[in-house]
Amino acid sequence: MQEGKLLYLEQADNLSGAANYRMRLGEVSTGRIVFDIENVGTMRYFFMTLYHPGEMQSIYFLDRESDSVWRYYGIARIGRNASRLATGPGHASSTINRAVAFYRSLVGIPTDQEPPAAR
C-alpha cells in the first residue's frame, strides 16, 4: 500500500448490483491507515439511477492503539441528487446494519453470530 495511490474495485451489492469504486490511500504507516472510497460509475436499481458518479463517498480511519488494538471510524455521505429509492424512509436500519457488518468483519466477529444492530 502506498500513500496517494489510486485503486479501483468492484463490489456486488444486494440492492444495486455490481458497482465500480475508486479508493485513494491517503495515509499509510505502521500506526495509521486512512483511505477514501467514491463510486466512479452510475449505480442503478433495475433501470433506475440511484447514484450518479461521485455521489456515494466514504472515508475510513484506522489508528493503532497498541500492538493488538486498532481504533476504527468512518464517515459516509451521499450526494443531494441521490434517488429517494436509496435515501427515503425505512433505509436507516439498512445503513446501520451495513456499518455494523463492516465493523464486525474488520475486527473478526462472525457476522451471523450477533443479532442485527437495527431492525
PDB file of N, CA and C in Angstrom:
ATOM      1  N   MET A   1       0.853  -1.186   0.000  1.00  0.00           N
ATOM      2  CA  MET A   1       0.000   0.000   0.000  1.00  0.00           C
ATOM      3  C   MET A   1       0.892   1.239   0.000  1.00  0.00           C
ATOM      4  N   GLN A   2       0.557   2.174  -0.862  1.00  0.00           N
ATOM      5  CA  GLN A   2       1.330   3.398  -0.968  1.00  0.00           C
ATOM      6  C   GLN A   2       0.408   4.597  -0.853  1.00  0.00           C
ATOM      7  N   GLU A   3       0.843   5.597  -0.095  1.00  0.00           N
ATOM      8  CA  GLU A   3       0.065   6.831   0.037  1.00  0.00           C
ATOM      9  C   GLU A   3      -0.140   7.461  -1.325  1.00  0.00           C
ATOM     10  N   GLY A   4      -1.337   7.991  -1.537  1.00  0.00           N
ATOM     11  CA  GLY A   4      -1.666   8.668  -2.782  1.00  0.00           C
ATOM     12  C   GLY A   4      -2.041   7.742  -3.918  1.00  0.00           C
ATOM     13  N   LYS A   5      -1.844   6.459  -3.753  1.00  0.00           N
ATOM     14  CA  LYS A   5      -2.148   5.502  -4.815  1.00  0.00           C
ATOM     15  C   LYS A   5      -3.654   5.366  -5.000  1.00  0.00           C
ATOM     16  N   LEU A   6      -4.082   5.308  -6.251  1.00  0.00           N
ATOM     17  CA  LEU A   6      -5.487   5.098  -6.580  1.00  0.00           C
ATOM     18  C   LEU A   6      -5.687   3.633  -6.955  1.00  0.00           C
ATOM     19  N   LEU A   7      -6.686   3.028  -6.382  1.00  0.00           N
ATOM     20  CA  LEU A   7      -7.041   1.646  -6.690  1.00  0.00           C
ATOM     21  C   LEU A   7      -8.503   1.619  -7.120  1.00  0.00           C
ATOM     22  N   TYR A   8      -8.852   0.690  -7.961  1.00  0.00           N
ATOM     23  CA  TYR A   8     -10.228   0.560  -8.418  1.00  0.00           C
ATOM     24  C   TYR A   8     -10.740  -0.822  -8.039  1.00  0.00           C
ATOM     25  N   LEU A   9     -12.019  -0.867  -7.643  1.00  0.00           N
ATOM     26  CA  LEU A   9     -12.597  -2.133  -7.230  1.00  0.00           C
ATOM     27  C   LEU A   9     -14.049  -2.201  -7.648  1.00  0.00           C
ATOM     28  N   GLU A  10     -14.532  -3.413  -7.710  1.00  0.00           N
ATOM     29  CA  GLU A  10     -15.940  -3.635  -7.996  1.00  0.00           C
ATOM     30  C   GLU A  10     -16.544  -4.348  -6.800  1.00  0.00           C
ATOM     31  N   GLN A  11     -17.705  -3.903  -6.383  1.00  0.00           N
ATOM     32  CA  GLN A  11     -18.387  -4.505  -5.242  1.00  0.00           C
ATOM     33  C   GLN A  11     -19.802  -4.863  -5.662  1.00  0.00           C
ATOM     34  N   ALA A  12     -20.214  -6.076  -5.349  1.00  0.00           N
ATOM     35  CA  ALA A  12     -21.580  -6.500  -5.631  1.00  0.00           C
ATOM     36  C   ALA A  12     -22.433  -6.234  -4.405  1.00  0.00           C
ATOM     37  N   ASP A  13     -23.583  -5.654  -4.622  1.00  0.00           N
ATOM     38  CA  ASP A  13     -24.483  -5.256  -3.545  1.00  0.00           C
ATOM     39  C   ASP A  13     -25.854  -5.858  -3.825  1.00  0.00           C
ATOM     40  N   ASN A  14     -26.547  -6.273  -2.780  1.00  0.00           N
ATOM     41  CA  ASN A  14     -27.852  -6.895  -2.996  1.00  0.00           C
ATOM     42  C   ASN A  14     -28.924  -5.893  -3.430  1.00  0.00           C
ATOM     43  N   LEU A  15     -28.655  -4.611  -3.324  1.00  0.00           N
ATOM     44  CA  LEU A  15     -29.628  -3.601  -3.745  1.00  0.00           C
ATOM     45  C   LEU A  15     -29.338  -3.053  -5.133  1.00  0.00           C
ATOM     46  N   SER A  16     -28.088  -2.677  -5.373  1.00  0.00           N
ATOM     47  CA  SER A  16     -27.778  -2.001  -6.634  1.00  0.00           C
ATOM     48  C   SER A  16     -26.921  -2.830  -7.580  1.00  0.00           C
ATOM     49  N   GLY A  17     -26.631  -4.079  -7.232  1.00  0.00           N
ATOM     50  CA  GLY A  17     -25.823  -4.921  -8.098  1.00  0.00           C
ATOM     51  C   GLY A  17     -24.356  -4.541  -8.025  1.00  0.00           C
ATOM     52  N   ALA A  18     -23.630  -4.802  -9.091  1.00  0.00           N
ATOM     53  CA  ALA A  18     -22.193  -4.505  -9.125  1.00  0.00           C
ATOM     54  C   ALA A  18     -21.969  -3.013  -9.357  1.00  0.00           C
ATOM     55  N   ALA A  19     -21.037  -2.461  -8.600  1.00  0.00           N
ATOM     56  CA  ALA A  19     -20.696  -1.037  -8.741  1.00  0.00           C
ATOM     57  C   ALA A  19     -19.178  -0.887  -8.724  1.00  0.00           C
ATOM     58  N   ASN A  20     -18.678   0.091  -9.456  1.00  0.00           N
ATOM     59  CA  ASN A  20     -17.241   0.361  -9.508  1.00  0.00           C
ATOM     60  C   ASN A  20     -16.901   1.541  -8.605  1.00  0.00           C
ATOM     61  N   TYR A  21     -15.807   1.396  -7.885  1.00  0.00           N
ATOM     62  CA  TYR A  21     -15.363   2.416  -6.934  1.00  0.00           C
ATOM     63  C   TYR A  21     -13.893   2.735  -7.144  1.00  0.00           C
ATOM     64  N   ARG A  22     -13.531   3.941  -6.733  1.00  0.00           N
ATOM     65  CA  ARG A  22     -12.131   4.370  -6.699  1.00  0.00           C
ATOM     66  C   ARG A  22     -11.758   4.502  -5.224  1.00  0.00           C
ATOM     67  N   MET A  23     -10.643   3.907  -4.843  1.00  0.00           N
ATOM     68  CA  MET A  23     -10.140   4.016  -3.475  1.00  0.00           C
ATOM     69  C   MET A  23      -8.805   4.746  -3.515  1.00  0.00           C
ATOM     70  N   ARG A  24      -8.686   5.779  -2.690  1.00  0.00           N
ATOM     71  CA  ARG A  24      -7.432   6.543  -2.595  1.00  0.00           C
ATOM     72  C   ARG A  24      -6.848   6.315  -1.219  1.00  0.00           C
ATOM     73  N   LEU A  25      -5.601   5.912  -1.192  1.00  0.00           N
ATOM     74  CA  LEU A  25      -4.903   5.704   0.067  1.00  0.00           C
ATOM     75  C   LEU A  25      -4.302   7.039   0.499  1.00  0.00           C
ATOM     76  N   GLY A  26      -4.891   7.641   1.528  1.00  0.00           N
ATOM     77  CA  GLY A  26      -4.460   8.960   1.973  1.00  0.00           C
ATOM     78  C   GLY A  26      -3.250   8.912   2.888  1.00  0.00           C
ATOM     79  N   GLU A  27      -3.225   7.947   3.791  1.00  0.00           N
ATOM     80  CA  GLU A  27      -2.115   7.824   4.734  1.00  0.00           C
ATOM     81  C   GLU A  27      -1.925   6.354   5.059  1.00  0.00           C
ATOM     82  N   VAL A  28      -0.688   5.890   4.959  1.00  0.00           N
ATOM     83  CA  VAL A  28      -0.366   4.504   5.265  1.00  0.00           C
ATOM     84  C   VAL A  28       0.918   4.480   6.069  1.00  0.00           C
ATOM     85  N   SER A  29       0.823   4.002   7.307  1.00  0.00           N
ATOM     86  CA  SER A  29       2.003   3.858   8.155  1.00  0.00           C
ATOM     87  C   SER A  29       1.772   2.671   9.078  1.00  0.00           C
ATOM     88  N   THR A  30       2.742   2.353   9.912  1.00  0.00           N
ATOM     89  CA  THR A  30       2.578   1.229  10.831  1.00  0.00           C
ATOM     90  C   THR A  30       1.548   1.527  11.911  1.00  0.00           C
ATOM     91  N   GLY A  31       1.209   2.799  12.116  1.00  0.00           N
ATOM     92  CA  GLY A  31       0.262   3.169  13.160  1.00  0.00           C
ATOM     93  C   GLY A  31      -1.048   3.752  12.667  1.00  0.00           C
ATOM     94  N   ARG A  32      -1.165   3.966  11.339  1.00  0.00           N
ATOM     95  CA  ARG A  32      -2.382   4.611  10.845  1.00  0.00           C
ATOM     96  C   ARG A  32      -2.606   4.297   9.376  1.00  0.00           C
ATOM     97  N   ILE A  33      -3.869   4.062   9.043  1.00  0.00           N
ATOM     98  CA  ILE A  33      -4.282   3.889   7.651  1.00  0.00           C
ATOM     99  C   ILE A  33      -5.520   4.753   7.439  1.00  0.00           C
ATOM    100  N   VAL A  34      -5.480   5.584   6.404  1.00  0.00           N
ATOM    101  CA  VAL A  34      -6.627   6.419   6.046  1.00  0.00           C
ATOM    102  C   VAL A  34      -6.876   6.214   4.559  1.00  0.00           C
ATOM    103  N   PHE A  35      -8.118   5.897   4.211  1.00  0.00           N
ATOM    104  CA  PHE A  35      -8.447   5.751   2.802  1.00  0.00           C
ATOM    105  C   PHE A  35      -9.870   6.218   2.558  1.00  0.00           C
ATOM    106  N   ASP A  36     -10.111   6.680   1.327  1.00  0.00           N
ATOM    107  CA  ASP A  36     -11.466   7.100   0.962  1.00  0.00           C
ATOM    108  C   ASP A  36     -11.913   6.348  -0.275  1.00  0.00           C
ATOM    109  N   ILE A  37     -13.218   6.211  -0.395  1.00  0.00           N
ATOM    110  CA  ILE A  37     -13.824   5.454  -1.489  1.00  0.00           C
ATOM    111  C   ILE A  37     -14.948   6.292  -2.090  1.00  0.00           C
ATOM    112  N   GLU A  38     -15.042   6.253  -3.440  1.00  0.00           N
ATOM    113  CA  GLU A  38     -16.074   7.010  -4.152  1.00  0.00           C
ATOM    114  C   GLU A  38     -16.542   6.194  -5.353  1.00  0.00           C
ATOM    115  N   ASN A  39     -17.852   6.184  -5.591  1.00  0.00           N
ATOM    116  CA  ASN A  39     -18.333   5.476  -6.781  1.00  0.00           C
ATOM    117  C   ASN A  39     -17.889   6.223  -8.028  1.00  0.00           C
ATOM    118  N   VAL A  40     -17.451   5.477  -9.038  1.00  0.00           N
ATOM    119  CA  VAL A  40     -16.989   6.099 -10.282  1.00  0.00           C
ATOM    120  C   VAL A  40     -17.964   5.886 -11.433  1.00  0.00           C
ATOM    121  N   GLY A  41     -18.916   5.017 -11.228  1.00  0.00           N
ATOM    122  CA  GLY A  41     -19.928   4.783 -12.258  1.00  0.00           C
ATOM    123  C   GLY A  41     -21.313   5.046 -11.699  1.00  0.00           C
ATOM    124  N   THR A  42     -22.265   5.136 -12.585  1.00  0.00           N
ATOM    125  CA  THR A  42     -23.655   5.304 -12.169  1.00  0.00           C
ATOM    126  C   THR A  42     -24.135   4.012 -11.513  1.00  0.00           C
ATOM    127  N   MET A  43     -24.807   4.149 -10.383  1.00  0.00           N
ATOM    128  CA  MET A  43     -25.338   2.988  -9.671  1.00  0.00           C
ATOM    129  C   MET A  43     -26.844   2.951  -9.895  1.00  0.00           C
ATOM    130  N   ARG A  44     -27.341   1.783 -10.311  1.00  0.00           N
ATOM    131  CA  ARG A  44     -28.753   1.650 -10.649  1.00  0.00           C
ATOM    132  C   ARG A  44     -29.403   0.515  -9.868  1.00  0.00           C
ATOM    133  N   TYR A  45     -30.680   0.648  -9.665  1.00  0.00           N
ATOM    134  CA  TYR A  45     -31.515  -0.419  -9.130  1.00  0.00           C
ATOM    135  C   TYR A  45     -32.495  -0.748 -10.236  1.00  0.00           C
ATOM    136  N   PHE A  46     -32.383  -1.949 -10.791  1.00  0.00           N
ATOM    137  CA  PHE A  46     -33.054  -2.296 -12.022  1.00  0.00           C
ATOM    138  C   PHE A  46     -32.633  -1.267 -13.061  1.00  0.00           C
ATOM    139  N   PHE A  47     -33.518  -0.444 -13.570  1.00  0.00           N
ATOM    140  CA  PHE A  47     -33.126   0.540 -14.585  1.00  0.00           C
ATOM    141  C   PHE A  47     -33.149   1.967 -14.047  1.00  0.00           C
ATOM    142  N   MET A  48     -33.396   2.126 -12.757  1.00  0.00           N
ATOM    143  CA  MET A  48     -33.494   3.464 -12.167  1.00  0.00           C
ATOM    144  C   MET A  48     -32.158   3.866 -11.541  1.00  0.00           C
ATOM    145  N   THR A  49     -31.739   5.087 -11.808  1.00  0.00           N
ATOM    146  CA  THR A  49     -30.480   5.584 -11.260  1.00  0.00           C
ATOM    147  C   THR A  49     -30.653   5.893  -9.774  1.00  0.00           C
ATOM    148  N   LEU A  50     -29.758   5.309  -8.953  1.00  0.00           N
ATOM    149  CA  LEU A  50     -29.726   5.613  -7.520  1.00  0.00           C
ATOM    150  C   LEU A  50     -28.705   6.698  -7.226  1.00  0.00           C
ATOM    151  N   TYR A  51     -27.498   6.530  -7.781  1.00  0.00           N
ATOM    152  CA  TYR A  51     -26.402   7.473  -7.529  1.00  0.00           C
ATOM    153  C   TYR A  51     -25.655   7.733  -8.830  1.00  0.00           C
ATOM    154  N   HIS A  52     -25.380   8.982  -9.094  1.00  0.00           N
ATOM    155  CA  HIS A  52     -24.518   9.356 -10.209  1.00  0.00           C
ATOM    156  C   HIS A  52     -23.065   9.224  -9.749  1.00  0.00           C
ATOM    157  N   PRO A  53     -22.097   9.217 -10.670  1.00  0.00           N
ATOM    158  CA  PRO A  53     -20.699   9.119 -10.272  1.00  0.00           C
ATOM    159  C   PRO A  53     -20.322  10.193  -9.247  1.00  0.00           C
ATOM    160  N   GLY A  54     -19.630   9.770  -8.208  1.00  0.00           N
ATOM    161  CA  GLY A  54     -19.159  10.687  -7.163  1.00  0.00           C
ATOM    162  C   GLY A  54     -20.179  11.005  -6.089  1.00  0.00           C
ATOM    163  N   GLU A  55     -21.387  10.445  -6.169  1.00  0.00           N
ATOM    164  CA  GLU A  55     -22.419  10.779  -5.181  1.00  0.00           C
ATOM    165  C   GLU A  55     -22.381   9.901  -3.929  1.00  0.00           C
ATOM    166  N   MET A  56     -21.640   8.834  -3.948  1.00  0.00           N
ATOM    167  CA  MET A  56     -21.515   7.998  -2.764  1.00  0.00           C
ATOM    168  C   MET A  56     -20.042   8.007  -2.352  1.00  0.00           C
ATOM    169  N   GLN A  57     -19.759   8.631  -1.217  1.00  0.00           N
ATOM    170  CA  GLN A  57     -18.377   8.793  -0.765  1.00  0.00           C
ATOM    171  C   GLN A  57     -18.245   8.382   0.699  1.00  0.00           C
ATOM    172  N   SER A  58     -17.097   7.827   1.033  1.00  0.00           N
ATOM    173  CA  SER A  58     -16.815   7.486   2.428  1.00  0.00           C
ATOM    174  C   SER A  58     -15.318   7.593   2.674  1.00  0.00           C
ATOM    175  N   ILE A  59     -14.979   7.815   3.930  1.00  0.00           N
ATOM    176  CA  ILE A  59     -13.578   7.861   4.337  1.00  0.00           C
ATOM    177  C   ILE A  59     -13.449   7.056   5.622  1.00  0.00           C
ATOM    178  N   TYR A  60     -12.365   6.311   5.729  1.00  0.00           N
ATOM    179  CA  TYR A  60     -12.142   5.414   6.860  1.00  0.00           C
ATOM    180  C   TYR A  60     -10.793   5.714   7.498  1.00  0.00           C
ATOM    181  N   PHE A  61     -10.785   5.638   8.824  1.00  0.00           N
ATOM    182  CA  PHE A  61      -9.577   5.874   9.608  1.00  0.00           C
ATOM    183  C   PHE A  61      -9.337   4.661  10.495  1.00  0.00           C
ATOM    184  N   LEU A  62      -8.139   4.110  10.449  1.00  0.00           N
ATOM    185  CA  LEU A  62      -7.740   3.033  11.338  1.00  0.00           C
ATOM    186  C   LEU A  62      -6.480   3.489  12.054  1.00  0.00           C
ATOM    187  N   ASP A  63      -6.558   3.579  13.372  1.00  0.00           N
ATOM    188  CA  ASP A  63      -5.430   4.046  14.181  1.00  0.00           C
ATOM    189  C   ASP A  63      -5.025   2.964  15.173  1.00  0.00           C
ATOM    190  N   ARG A  64      -3.725   2.678  15.248  1.00  0.00           N
ATOM    191  CA  ARG A  64      -3.224   1.680  16.184  1.00  0.00           C
ATOM    192  C   ARG A  64      -3.183   2.277  17.591  1.00  0.00           C
ATOM    193  N   GLU A  65      -3.851   1.583  18.528  1.00  0.00           N
ATOM    194  CA  GLU A  65      -3.797   1.990  19.929  1.00  0.00           C
ATOM    195  C   GLU A  65      -2.722   1.224  20.684  1.00  0.00           C
ATOM    196  N   SER A  66      -2.512  -0.042  20.295  1.00  0.00           N
ATOM    197  CA  SER A  66      -1.475  -0.877  20.907  1.00  0.00           C
ATOM    198  C   SER A  66      -1.117  -1.962  19.898  1.00  0.00           C
ATOM    199  N   ASP A  67      -0.265  -2.897  20.304  1.00  0.00           N
ATOM    200  CA  ASP A  67       0.133  -3.957  19.380  1.00  0.00           C
ATOM    201  C   ASP A  67      -1.047  -4.800  18.897  1.00  0.00           C
ATOM    202  N   SER A  68      -2.082  -4.926  19.714  1.00  0.00           N
ATOM    203  CA  SER A  68      -3.198  -5.794  19.350  1.00  0.00           C
ATOM    204  C   SER A  68      -4.544  -5.070  19.215  1.00  0.00           C
ATOM    205  N   VAL A  69      -4.552  -3.746  19.332  1.00  0.00           N
ATOM    206  CA  VAL A  69      -5.806  -2.996  19.277  1.00  0.00           C
ATOM    207  C   VAL A  69      -5.708  -1.874  18.250  1.00  0.00           C
ATOM    208  N   TRP A  70      -6.718  -1.845  17.346  1.00  0.00           N
ATOM    209  CA  TRP A  70      -6.853  -0.776  16.374  1.00  0.00           C
ATOM    210  C   TRP A  70      -8.175  -0.070  16.613  1.00  0.00           C
ATOM    211  N   ARG A  71      -8.188   1.235  16.465  1.00  0.00           N
ATOM    212  CA  ARG A  71      -9.414   2.026  16.553  1.00  0.00           C
ATOM    213  C   ARG A  71      -9.864   2.324  15.121  1.00  0.00           C
ATOM    214  N   TYR A  72     -11.165   2.239  14.893  1.00  0.00           N
ATOM    215  CA  TYR A  72     -11.717   2.447  13.561  1.00  0.00           C
ATOM    216  C   TYR A  72     -12.853   3.459  13.634  1.00  0.00           C
ATOM    217  N   TYR A  73     -12.893   4.352  12.672  1.00  0.00           N
ATOM    218  CA  TYR A  73     -14.074   5.184  12.490  1.00  0.00           C
ATOM    219  C   TYR A  73     -14.155   5.584  11.024  1.00  0.00           C
ATOM    220  N   GLY A  74     -15.364   5.873  10.591  1.00  0.00           N
ATOM    221  CA  GLY A  74     -15.579   6.221   9.205  1.00  0.00           C
ATOM    222  C   GLY A  74     -16.713   7.224   9.078  1.00  0.00           C
ATOM    223  N   ILE A  75     -16.704   7.911   7.971  1.00  0.00           N
ATOM    224  CA  ILE A  75     -17.730   8.899   7.659  1.00  0.00           C
ATOM    225  C   ILE A  75     -18.201   8.612   6.237  1.00  0.00           C
ATOM    226  N   ALA A  76     -19.499   8.642   6.025  1.00  0.00           N
ATOM    227  CA  ALA A  76     -20.047   8.411   4.690  1.00  0.00           C
ATOM    228  C   ALA A  76     -21.026   9.522   4.352  1.00  0.00           C
ATOM    229  N   ARG A  77     -21.161   9.791   3.065  1.00  0.00           N
ATOM    230  CA  ARG A  77     -22.130  10.784   2.612  1.00  0.00           C
ATOM    231  C   ARG A  77     -22.633  10.381   1.238  1.00  0.00           C
ATOM    232  N   ILE A  78     -23.815  10.881   0.924  1.00  0.00           N
ATOM    233  CA  ILE A  78     -24.357  10.704  -0.418  1.00  0.00           C
ATOM    234  C   ILE A  78     -24.715  12.077  -0.965  1.00  0.00           C
ATOM    235  N   GLY A  79     -24.728  12.199  -2.268  1.00  0.00           N
ATOM    236  CA  GLY A  79     -24.994  13.476  -2.913  1.00  0.00           C
ATOM    237  C   GLY A  79     -26.453  13.893  -2.822  1.00  0.00           C
ATOM    238  N   ARG A  80     -26.685  15.159  -3.031  1.00  0.00           N
ATOM    239  CA  ARG A  80     -28.047  15.721  -2.960  1.00  0.00           C
ATOM    240  C   ARG A  80     -28.971  15.163  -4.034  1.00  0.00           C
ATOM    241  N   ASN A  81     -28.406  14.707  -5.134  1.00  0.00           N
ATOM    242  CA  ASN A  81     -29.224  14.217  -6.237  1.00  0.00           C
ATOM    243  C   ASN A  81     -29.469  12.712  -6.186  1.00  0.00           C
ATOM    244  N   ALA A  82     -29.117  12.078  -5.073  1.00  0.00           N
ATOM    245  CA  ALA A  82     -29.352  10.648  -4.946  1.00  0.00           C
ATOM    246  C   ALA A  82     -30.853  10.366  -4.982  1.00  0.00           C
ATOM    247  N   SER A  83     -31.196   9.229  -5.515  1.00  0.00           N
ATOM    248  CA  SER A  83     -32.604   8.854  -5.650  1.00  0.00           C
ATOM    249  C   SER A  83     -33.253   8.633  -4.290  1.00  0.00           C
ATOM    250  N   ARG A  84     -34.524   8.980  -4.186  1.00  0.00           N
ATOM    251  CA  ARG A  84     -35.296   8.724  -2.963  1.00  0.00           C
ATOM    252  C   ARG A  84     -35.437   7.227  -2.704  1.00  0.00           C
ATOM    253  N   LEU A  85     -35.240   6.410  -3.744  1.00  0.00           N
ATOM    254  CA  LEU A  85     -35.268   4.964  -3.536  1.00  0.00           C
ATOM    255  C   LEU A  85     -34.148   4.527  -2.594  1.00  0.00           C
ATOM    256  N   ALA A  86     -33.046   5.267  -2.601  1.00  0.00           N
ATOM    257  CA  ALA A  86     -31.902   4.916  -1.760  1.00  0.00           C
ATOM    258  C   ALA A  86     -31.864   5.690  -0.454  1.00  0.00           C
ATOM    259  N   THR A  87     -32.560   6.807  -0.389  1.00  0.00           N
ATOM    260  CA  THR A  87     -32.443   7.676   0.790  1.00  0.00           C
ATOM    261  C   THR A  87     -33.738   7.873   1.543  1.00  0.00           C
ATOM    262  N   GLY A  88     -34.823   7.354   1.027  1.00  0.00           N
ATOM    263  CA  GLY A  88     -36.138   7.603   1.621  1.00  0.00           C
ATOM    264  C   GLY A  88     -36.345   6.899   2.954  1.00  0.00           C
ATOM    265  N   PRO A  89     -37.537   7.050   3.500  1.00  0.00           N
ATOM    266  CA  PRO A  89     -37.875   6.444   4.784  1.00  0.00           C
ATOM    267  C   PRO A  89     -37.647   4.932   4.765  1.00  0.00           C
ATOM    268  N   GLY A  90     -37.215   4.403   5.903  1.00  0.00           N
ATOM    269  CA  GLY A  90     -37.005   2.973   6.026  1.00  0.00           C
ATOM    270  C   GLY A  90     -35.612   2.493   5.682  1.00  0.00           C
ATOM    271  N   HIS A  91     -34.725   3.400   5.270  1.00  0.00           N
ATOM    272  CA  HIS A  91     -33.375   2.988   4.882  1.00  0.00           C
ATOM    273  C   HIS A  91     -32.349   3.149   6.004  1.00  0.00           C
ATOM    274  N   ALA A  92     -32.730   3.768   7.099  1.00  0.00           N
ATOM    275  CA  ALA A  92     -31.776   3.977   8.195  1.00  0.00           C
ATOM    276  C   ALA A  92     -31.283   2.656   8.759  1.00  0.00           C
ATOM    277  N   SER A  93     -32.170   1.681   8.957  1.00  0.00           N
ATOM    278  CA  SER A  93     -31.750   0.405   9.534  1.00  0.00           C
ATOM    279  C   SER A  93     -30.788  -0.325   8.604  1.00  0.00           C
ATOM    280  N   SER A  94     -30.999  -0.227   7.300  1.00  0.00           N
ATOM    281  CA  SER A  94     -30.087  -0.854   6.346  1.00  0.00           C
ATOM    282  C   SER A  94     -28.697  -0.222   6.439  1.00  0.00           C
ATOM    283  N   THR A  95     -28.652   1.091   6.537  1.00  0.00           N
ATOM    284  CA  THR A  95     -27.361   1.787   6.655  1.00  0.00           C
ATOM    285  C   THR A  95     -26.649   1.401   7.943  1.00  0.00           C
ATOM    286  N   ILE A  96     -27.374   1.360   9.041  1.00  0.00           N
ATOM    287  CA  ILE A  96     -26.784   0.973  10.331  1.00  0.00           C
ATOM    288  C   ILE A  96     -26.250  -0.451  10.257  1.00  0.00           C
ATOM    289  N   ASN A  97     -27.035  -1.373   9.733  1.00  0.00           N
ATOM    290  CA  ASN A  97     -26.608  -2.767   9.665  1.00  0.00           C
ATOM    291  C   ASN A  97     -25.392  -2.959   8.772  1.00  0.00           C
ATOM    292  N   ARG A  98     -25.295  -2.196   7.697  1.00  0.00           N
ATOM    293  CA  ARG A  98     -24.118  -2.293   6.829  1.00  0.00           C
ATOM    294  C   ARG A  98     -22.861  -1.797   7.545  1.00  0.00           C
ATOM    295  N   ALA A  99     -22.992  -0.695   8.281  1.00  0.00           N
ATOM    296  CA  ALA A  99     -21.840  -0.175   9.029  1.00  0.00           C
ATOM    297  C   ALA A  99     -21.397  -1.161  10.104  1.00  0.00           C
ATOM    298  N   VAL A 100     -22.356  -1.739  10.811  1.00  0.00           N
ATOM    299  CA  VAL A 100     -22.025  -2.712  11.858  1.00  0.00           C
ATOM    300  C   VAL A 100     -21.416  -3.971  11.244  1.00  0.00           C
ATOM    301  N   ALA A 101     -21.935  -4.429  10.105  1.00  0.00           N
ATOM    302  CA  ALA A 101     -21.378  -5.604   9.440  1.00  0.00           C
ATOM    303  C   ALA A 101     -19.934  -5.345   9.015  1.00  0.00           C
ATOM    304  N   PHE A 102     -19.652  -4.143   8.505  1.00  0.00           N
ATOM    305  CA  PHE A 102     -18.283  -3.790   8.127  1.00  0.00           C
ATOM    306  C   PHE A 102     -17.374  -3.842   9.345  1.00  0.00           C
ATOM    307  N   TYR A 103     -17.829  -3.250  10.453  1.00  0.00           N
ATOM    308  CA  TYR A 103     -17.041  -3.260  11.686  1.00  0.00           C
ATOM    309  C   TYR A 103     -16.803  -4.696  12.164  1.00  0.00           C
ATOM    310  N   ARG A 104     -17.840  -5.509  12.207  1.00  0.00           N
ATOM    311  CA  ARG A 104     -17.698  -6.896  12.670  1.00  0.00           C
ATOM    312  C   ARG A 104     -16.714  -7.659  11.806  1.00  0.00           C
ATOM    313  N   SER A 105     -16.795  -7.467  10.503  1.00  0.00           N
ATOM    314  CA  SER A 105     -15.860  -8.123   9.599  1.00  0.00           C
ATOM    315  C   SER A 105     -14.436  -7.663   9.861  1.00  0.00           C
ATOM    316  N   LEU A 106     -14.266  -6.368  10.081  1.00  0.00           N
ATOM    317  CA  LEU A 106     -12.950  -5.789  10.302  1.00  0.00           C
ATOM    318  C   LEU A 106     -12.296  -6.331  11.570  1.00  0.00           C
ATOM    319  N   VAL A 107     -13.073  -6.497  12.647  1.00  0.00           N
ATOM    320  CA  VAL A 107     -12.495  -6.933  13.926  1.00  0.00           C
ATOM    321  C   VAL A 107     -12.593  -8.436  14.148  1.00  0.00           C
ATOM    322  N   GLY A 108     -13.152  -9.167  13.183  1.00  0.00           N
ATOM    323  CA  GLY A 108     -13.169 -10.619  13.279  1.00  0.00           C
ATOM    324  C   GLY A 108     -14.355 -11.217  14.011  1.00  0.00           C
ATOM    325  N   ILE A 109     -15.432 -10.467  14.185  1.00  0.00           N
ATOM    326  CA  ILE A 109     -16.649 -11.008  14.797  1.00  0.00           C
ATOM    327  C   ILE A 109     -17.468 -11.649  13.680  1.00  0.00           C
ATOM    328  N   PRO A 110     -17.854 -12.927  13.821  1.00  0.00           N
ATOM    329  CA  PRO A 110     -18.683 -13.536  12.772  1.00  0.00           C
ATOM    330  C   PRO A 110     -19.955 -12.714  12.556  1.00  0.00           C
ATOM    331  N   THR A 111     -20.240 -12.419  11.318  1.00  0.00           N
ATOM    332  CA  THR A 111     -21.376 -11.535  11.022  1.00  0.00           C
ATOM    333  C   THR A 111     -22.720 -12.185  11.283  1.00  0.00           C
ATOM    334  N   ASP A 112     -22.763 -13.520  11.391  1.00  0.00           N
ATOM    335  CA  ASP A 112     -24.028 -14.196  11.677  1.00  0.00           C
ATOM    336  C   ASP A 112     -24.163 -14.583  13.148  1.00  0.00           C
ATOM    337  N   GLN A 113     -23.214 -14.188  13.983  1.00  0.00           N
ATOM    338  CA  GLN A 113     -23.235 -14.543  15.397  1.00  0.00           C
ATOM    339  C   GLN A 113     -24.091 -13.594  16.225  1.00  0.00           C
ATOM    340  N   GLU A 114     -24.078 -12.333  15.899  1.00  0.00           N
ATOM    341  CA  GLU A 114     -24.784 -11.314  16.669  1.00  0.00           C
ATOM    342  C   GLU A 114     -26.099 -10.953  15.968  1.00  0.00           C
ATOM    343  N   PRO A 115     -27.071 -10.447  16.700  1.00  0.00           N
ATOM    344  CA  PRO A 115     -28.306 -10.005  16.036  1.00  0.00           C
ATOM    345  C   PRO A 115     -28.050  -8.717  15.247  1.00  0.00           C
ATOM    346  N   PRO A 116     -28.944  -8.377  14.323  1.00  0.00           N
ATOM    347  CA  PRO A 116     -28.788  -7.112  13.603  1.00  0.00           C
ATOM    348  C   PRO A 116     -28.785  -5.934  14.565  1.00  0.00           C
ATOM    349  N   ALA A 117     -28.038  -4.913  14.244  1.00  0.00           N
ATOM    350  CA  ALA A 117     -27.975  -3.724  15.101  1.00  0.00           C
ATOM    351  C   ALA A 117     -29.283  -2.945  15.037  1.00  0.00           C
ATOM    352  N   ALA A 118     -29.961  -3.000  13.911  1.00  0.00           N
ATOM    353  CA  ALA A 118     -31.235  -2.295  13.737  1.00  0.00           C
ATOM    354  C   ALA A 118     -32.176  -3.186  12.959  1.00  0.00           C
ATOM    355  N   ARG A 119     -33.440  -3.025  13.232  1.00  0.00           N
ATOM    356  CA  ARG A 119     -34.458  -3.819  12.500  1.00  0.00           C
ATOM    357  C   ARG A 119     -35.377  -2.910  11.724  1.00  0.00           C
TER     358      ARG A 119
END
